[in-house]
Amino acid sequence: MPADLNLSELWSRLSSINSLTFTAQSFGSGSGWNGTGVGTVEVESIDDQTLLFHESGNWSPPEGKSLRFTNVYRWCAYPEQKQLRLEHLRFGNANPVYLFDLQQTAGDRWDSIEPHVCSEDLYSATLHFENESLHLDWTVKGKTKNERISYVYEQ
């Protein structure tokens, strides 16, 4: 039976993450973002409701050589609304790129409240707990995109 993953428990698990793996898949879109990544996560606690994930590692396409990657993501907890927000800080802390808000939809599952519109693309996500790991599955769909990125975060 899946563990209940309320916002407090989810926040505790996010705070203790230190590694990640991910798989990126493009389905007929031709973007070329197929591959796998492996890396580390340094979690920075800004305050009781804000965590920064400093991610770095290597991304490997099916063919070709491995590339280094770095990302900074900001997780924000909103206890009153029982929601969690994810932002990408590629333009710095003052200019976050909003990705999506998540809310609990089952005991161990959190889903984006609604797809985020970015130009002609829709971003949505599901977060769930499995085998002591947090799984974050993103989809990006649009006129020229049909992609899935599956992250596994571990302690």
C-alpha atoms as a PDB file:
ATOM      1  CA  MET A   1       0.000   0.000   0.000  1.00  0.00           C
ATOM      2  CA  PRO A   2       1.454   3.422  -0.946  1.00  0.00           C
ATOM      3  CA  ALA A   3       2.548   5.716   1.846  1.00  0.00           C
ATOM      4  CA  ASP A   4       0.562   8.889   2.455  1.00  0.00           C
ATOM      5  CA  LEU A   5       2.625  11.808   1.206  1.00  0.00           C
ATOM      6  CA  ASN A   6       1.009  14.965   2.598  1.00  0.00           C
ATOM      7  CA  LEU A   7       2.721  18.311   2.059  1.00  0.00           C
ATOM      8  CA  SER A   8       4.715  18.114   5.301  1.00  0.00           C
ATOM      9  CA  GLU A   9       6.036  14.615   4.517  1.00  0.00           C
ATOM     10  CA  LEU A  10       6.735  15.543   0.896  1.00  0.00           C
ATOM     11  CA  TRP A  11       8.653  18.642   2.028  1.00  0.00           C
ATOM     12  CA  SER A  12      10.733  16.537   4.410  1.00  0.00           C
ATOM     13  CA  ARG A  13      11.611  14.125   1.594  1.00  0.00           C
ATOM     14  CA  LEU A  14      12.452  16.946  -0.820  1.00  0.00           C
ATOM     15  CA  SER A  15      14.760  18.447   1.825  1.00  0.00           C
ATOM     16  CA  SER A  16      16.840  15.267   2.000  1.00  0.00           C
ATOM     17  CA  ILE A  17      17.342  14.613  -1.733  1.00  0.00           C
ATOM     18  CA  ASN A  18      20.967  14.309  -2.873  1.00  0.00           C
ATOM     19  CA  SER A  19      20.936  12.483  -6.231  1.00  0.00           C
ATOM     20  CA  LEU A  20      18.935  12.283  -9.432  1.00  0.00           C
ATOM     21  CA  THR A  21      18.568  10.282 -12.594  1.00  0.00           C
ATOM     22  CA  PHE A  22      16.344  11.206 -15.507  1.00  0.00           C
ATOM     23  CA  THR A  23      15.278   9.998 -18.905  1.00  0.00           C
ATOM     24  CA  ALA A  24      14.184  12.389 -21.640  1.00  0.00           C
ATOM     25  CA  GLN A  25      12.138  11.112 -24.548  1.00  0.00           C
ATOM     26  CA  SER A  26      10.855  12.880 -27.665  1.00  0.00           C
ATOM     27  CA  PHE A  27       7.989  11.159 -29.443  1.00  0.00           C
ATOM     28  CA  GLY A  28       8.043  12.092 -33.115  1.00  0.00           C
ATOM     29  CA  SER A  29       8.833  15.747 -32.398  1.00  0.00           C
ATOM     30  CA  GLY A  30      12.363  15.673 -33.754  1.00  0.00           C
ATOM     31  CA  SER A  31      13.713  17.832 -30.929  1.00  0.00           C
ATOM     32  CA  GLY A  32      16.479  15.343 -30.265  1.00  0.00           C
ATOM     33  CA  TRP A  33      16.140  15.516 -26.505  1.00  0.00           C
ATOM     34  CA  ASN A  34      16.414  11.756 -26.078  1.00  0.00           C
ATOM     35  CA  GLY A  35      18.877  10.584 -23.461  1.00  0.00           C
ATOM     36  CA  THR A  36      19.598   9.913 -19.838  1.00  0.00           C
ATOM     37  CA  GLY A  37      21.078  12.008 -17.075  1.00  0.00           C
ATOM     38  CA  VAL A  38      22.760  11.184 -13.786  1.00  0.00           C
ATOM     39  CA  GLY A  39      23.777  13.710 -11.198  1.00  0.00           C
ATOM     40  CA  THR A  40      23.805  15.164  -7.744  1.00  0.00           C
ATOM     41  CA  VAL A  41      21.462  17.560  -5.996  1.00  0.00           C
ATOM     42  CA  GLU A  42      22.574  20.078  -3.406  1.00  0.00           C
ATOM     43  CA  VAL A  43      19.499  21.258  -1.527  1.00  0.00           C
ATOM     44  CA  GLU A  44      19.591  24.813  -0.175  1.00  0.00           C
ATOM     45  CA  SER A  45      16.918  25.739   2.339  1.00  0.00           C
ATOM     46  CA  ILE A  46      16.040  29.415   1.888  1.00  0.00           C
ATOM     47  CA  ASP A  47      13.252  29.416   4.500  1.00  0.00           C
ATOM     48  CA  ASP A  48      10.532  27.080   5.808  1.00  0.00           C
ATOM     49  CA  GLN A  49       8.692  27.215   2.489  1.00  0.00           C
ATOM     50  CA  THR A  50      11.460  27.536  -0.110  1.00  0.00           C
ATOM     51  CA  LEU A  51      14.054  25.020  -1.266  1.00  0.00           C
ATOM     52  CA  LEU A  52      16.558  25.381  -4.081  1.00  0.00           C
ATOM     53  CA  PHE A  53      17.741  22.282  -5.940  1.00  0.00           C
ATOM     54  CA  HIS A  54      21.217  22.861  -7.383  1.00  0.00           C
ATOM     55  CA  GLU A  55      21.465  20.002  -9.877  1.00  0.00           C
ATOM     56  CA  SER A  56      24.567  18.980 -11.816  1.00  0.00           C
ATOM     57  CA  GLY A  57      25.725  15.903 -13.653  1.00  0.00           C
ATOM     58  CA  ASN A  58      26.100  14.312 -17.066  1.00  0.00           C
ATOM     59  CA  TRP A  59      23.515  13.905 -19.794  1.00  0.00           C
ATOM     60  CA  SER A  60      24.070  11.212 -22.418  1.00  0.00           C
ATOM     61  CA  PRO A  61      22.231  11.055 -25.736  1.00  0.00           C
ATOM     62  CA  PRO A  62      21.784   7.624 -27.367  1.00  0.00           C
ATOM     63  CA  GLU A  63      24.585   8.519 -29.773  1.00  0.00           C
ATOM     64  CA  GLY A  64      27.379  10.976 -29.187  1.00  0.00           C
ATOM     65  CA  LYS A  65      29.309  12.040 -26.163  1.00  0.00           C
ATOM     66  CA  SER A  66      28.120  12.904 -22.687  1.00  0.00           C
ATOM     67  CA  LEU A  67      27.475  16.561 -21.813  1.00  0.00           C
ATOM     68  CA  ARG A  68      27.625  18.314 -18.432  1.00  0.00           C
ATOM     69  CA  PHE A  69      24.413  19.894 -17.190  1.00  0.00           C
ATOM     70  CA  THR A  70      23.533  22.264 -14.369  1.00  0.00           C
ATOM     71  CA  ASN A  71      20.091  23.495 -13.307  1.00  0.00           C
ATOM     72  CA  VAL A  72      18.653  25.358 -10.378  1.00  0.00           C
ATOM     73  CA  TYR A  73      15.020  24.698  -9.475  1.00  0.00           C
ATOM     74  CA  ARG A  74      13.010  26.438  -6.780  1.00  0.00           C
ATOM     75  CA  TRP A  75      10.382  24.468  -4.853  1.00  0.00           C
ATOM     76  CA  CYS A  76       7.856  26.586  -2.929  1.00  0.00           C
ATOM     77  CA  ALA A  77       5.380  25.166  -0.423  1.00  0.00           C
ATOM     78  CA  TYR A  78       2.001  26.818   0.065  1.00  0.00           C
ATOM     79  CA  PRO A  79       0.560  25.094   3.174  1.00  0.00           C
ATOM     80  CA  GLU A  80      -2.660  27.149   3.214  1.00  0.00           C
ATOM     81  CA  GLN A  81      -3.539  25.959  -0.302  1.00  0.00           C
ATOM     82  CA  LYS A  82      -1.879  22.543   0.205  1.00  0.00           C
ATOM     83  CA  GLN A  83       0.119  23.155  -2.970  1.00  0.00           C
ATOM     84  CA  LEU A  84       3.684  22.943  -4.180  1.00  0.00           C
ATOM     85  CA  ARG A  85       5.197  25.091  -6.954  1.00  0.00           C
ATOM     86  CA  LEU A  86       8.196  24.334  -9.160  1.00  0.00           C
ATOM     87  CA  GLU A  87      10.159  27.066 -10.933  1.00  0.00           C
ATOM     88  CA  HIS A  88      13.310  26.928 -13.056  1.00  0.00           C
ATOM     89  CA  LEU A  89      15.862  29.628 -12.163  1.00  0.00           C
ATOM     90  CA  ARG A  90      17.741  29.655 -15.475  1.00  0.00           C
ATOM     91  CA  PHE A  91      17.488  33.482 -15.522  1.00  0.00           C
ATOM     92  CA  GLY A  92      18.337  33.866 -11.816  1.00  0.00           C
ATOM     93  CA  ASN A  93      16.368  34.106  -8.564  1.00  0.00           C
ATOM     94  CA  ALA A  94      14.660  37.359  -9.527  1.00  0.00           C
ATOM     95  CA  ASN A  95      13.343  36.001 -12.858  1.00  0.00           C
ATOM     96  CA  PRO A  96      11.981  32.498 -12.252  1.00  0.00           C
ATOM     97  CA  VAL A  97      10.449  30.482 -15.060  1.00  0.00           C
ATOM     98  CA  TYR A  98       7.185  29.138 -13.660  1.00  0.00           C
ATOM     99  CA  LEU A  99       6.668  25.454 -14.484  1.00  0.00           C
ATOM    100  CA  PHE A 100       3.636  24.209 -12.542  1.00  0.00           C
ATOM    101  CA  ASP A 101       1.735  23.997  -9.260  1.00  0.00           C
ATOM    102  CA  LEU A 102       1.077  20.552  -7.798  1.00  0.00           C
ATOM    103  CA  GLN A 103      -1.637  19.366  -5.430  1.00  0.00           C
ATOM    104  CA  GLN A 104      -2.222  16.016  -3.781  1.00  0.00           C
ATOM    105  CA  THR A 105      -4.637  13.846  -5.790  1.00  0.00           C
ATOM    106  CA  ALA A 106      -4.072  10.502  -4.017  1.00  0.00           C
ATOM    107  CA  GLY A 107      -2.228   9.275  -0.921  1.00  0.00           C
ATOM    108  CA  ASP A 108       1.207   9.272  -2.562  1.00  0.00           C
ATOM    109  CA  ARG A 109       0.485  11.242  -5.747  1.00  0.00           C
ATOM    110  CA  TRP A 110       0.643  14.931  -6.607  1.00  0.00           C
ATOM    111  CA  ASP A 111      -0.503  16.261  -9.997  1.00  0.00           C
ATOM    112  CA  SER A 112      -0.219  19.616 -11.714  1.00  0.00           C
ATOM    113  CA  ILE A 113      -3.356  21.625 -11.071  1.00  0.00           C
ATOM    114  CA  GLU A 114      -3.548  22.688 -14.694  1.00  0.00           C
ATOM    115  CA  PRO A 115      -1.096  22.634 -17.587  1.00  0.00           C
ATOM    116  CA  HIS A 116       1.240  25.604 -17.748  1.00  0.00           C
ATOM    117  CA  VAL A 117       1.166  27.384 -21.109  1.00  0.00           C
ATOM    118  CA  CYS A 118       4.546  28.467 -22.487  1.00  0.00           C
ATOM    119  CA  SER A 119       4.248  29.859 -25.999  1.00  0.00           C
ATOM    120  CA  GLU A 120       2.515  27.014 -27.884  1.00  0.00           C
ATOM    121  CA  ASP A 121       3.515  24.324 -25.374  1.00  0.00           C
ATOM    122  CA  LEU A 122       1.702  22.832 -22.378  1.00  0.00           C
ATOM    123  CA  TYR A 123       3.717  21.641 -19.369  1.00  0.00           C
ATOM    124  CA  SER A 124       2.228  19.257 -16.821  1.00  0.00           C
ATOM    125  CA  ALA A 125       3.619  16.895 -14.198  1.00  0.00           C
ATOM    126  CA  THR A 126       2.967  14.104 -11.739  1.00  0.00           C
ATOM    127  CA  LEU A 127       4.976  13.483  -8.566  1.00  0.00           C
ATOM    128  CA  HIS A 128       4.755  10.238  -6.618  1.00  0.00           C
ATOM    129  CA  PHE A 129       6.678   8.231  -4.051  1.00  0.00           C
ATOM    130  CA  GLU A 130       7.894   4.738  -4.921  1.00  0.00           C
ATOM    131  CA  ASN A 131      10.573   2.477  -3.405  1.00  0.00           C
ATOM    132  CA  GLU A 132      11.973   5.273  -1.180  1.00  0.00           C
ATOM    133  CA  SER A 133      12.345   7.545  -4.251  1.00  0.00           C
ATOM    134  CA  LEU A 134      10.459  10.589  -5.518  1.00  0.00           C
ATOM    135  CA  HIS A 135       9.415  10.282  -9.156  1.00  0.00           C
ATOM    136  CA  LEU A 136       8.659  13.473 -11.081  1.00  0.00           C
ATOM    137  CA  ASP A 137       7.253  12.886 -14.573  1.00  0.00           C
ATOM    138  CA  TRP A 138       6.897  15.912 -16.848  1.00  0.00           C
ATOM    139  CA  THR A 139       5.157  16.107 -20.187  1.00  0.00           C
ATOM    140  CA  VAL A 140       5.576  18.890 -22.720  1.00  0.00           C
ATOM    141  CA  LYS A 141       3.089  18.932 -25.573  1.00  0.00           C
ATOM    142  CA  GLY A 142       2.677  21.405 -28.377  1.00  0.00           C
ATOM    143  CA  LYS A 143       2.638  21.910 -32.115  1.00  0.00           C
ATOM    144  CA  THR A 144       6.260  20.809 -32.406  1.00  0.00           C
ATOM    145  CA  LYS A 145       6.776  19.034 -29.069  1.00  0.00           C
ATOM    146  CA  ASN A 146       5.700  15.740 -27.580  1.00  0.00           C
ATOM    147  CA  GLU A 147       8.138  15.021 -24.790  1.00  0.00           C
ATOM    148  CA  ARG A 148       8.392  13.242 -21.491  1.00  0.00           C
ATOM    149  CA  ILE A 149      11.059  13.733 -18.843  1.00  0.00           C
ATOM    150  CA  SER A 150      11.092  11.233 -15.997  1.00  0.00           C
ATOM    151  CA  TYR A 151      13.130  12.232 -12.932  1.00  0.00           C
ATOM    152  CA  VAL A 152      13.949   9.952 -10.008  1.00  0.00           C
ATOM    153  CA  TYR A 153      15.183  11.799  -6.914  1.00  0.00           C
ATOM    154  CA  GLU A 154      16.820   9.844  -4.084  1.00  0.00           C
ATOM    155  CA  GLN A 155      18.356  10.428  -0.685  1.00  0.00           C
END
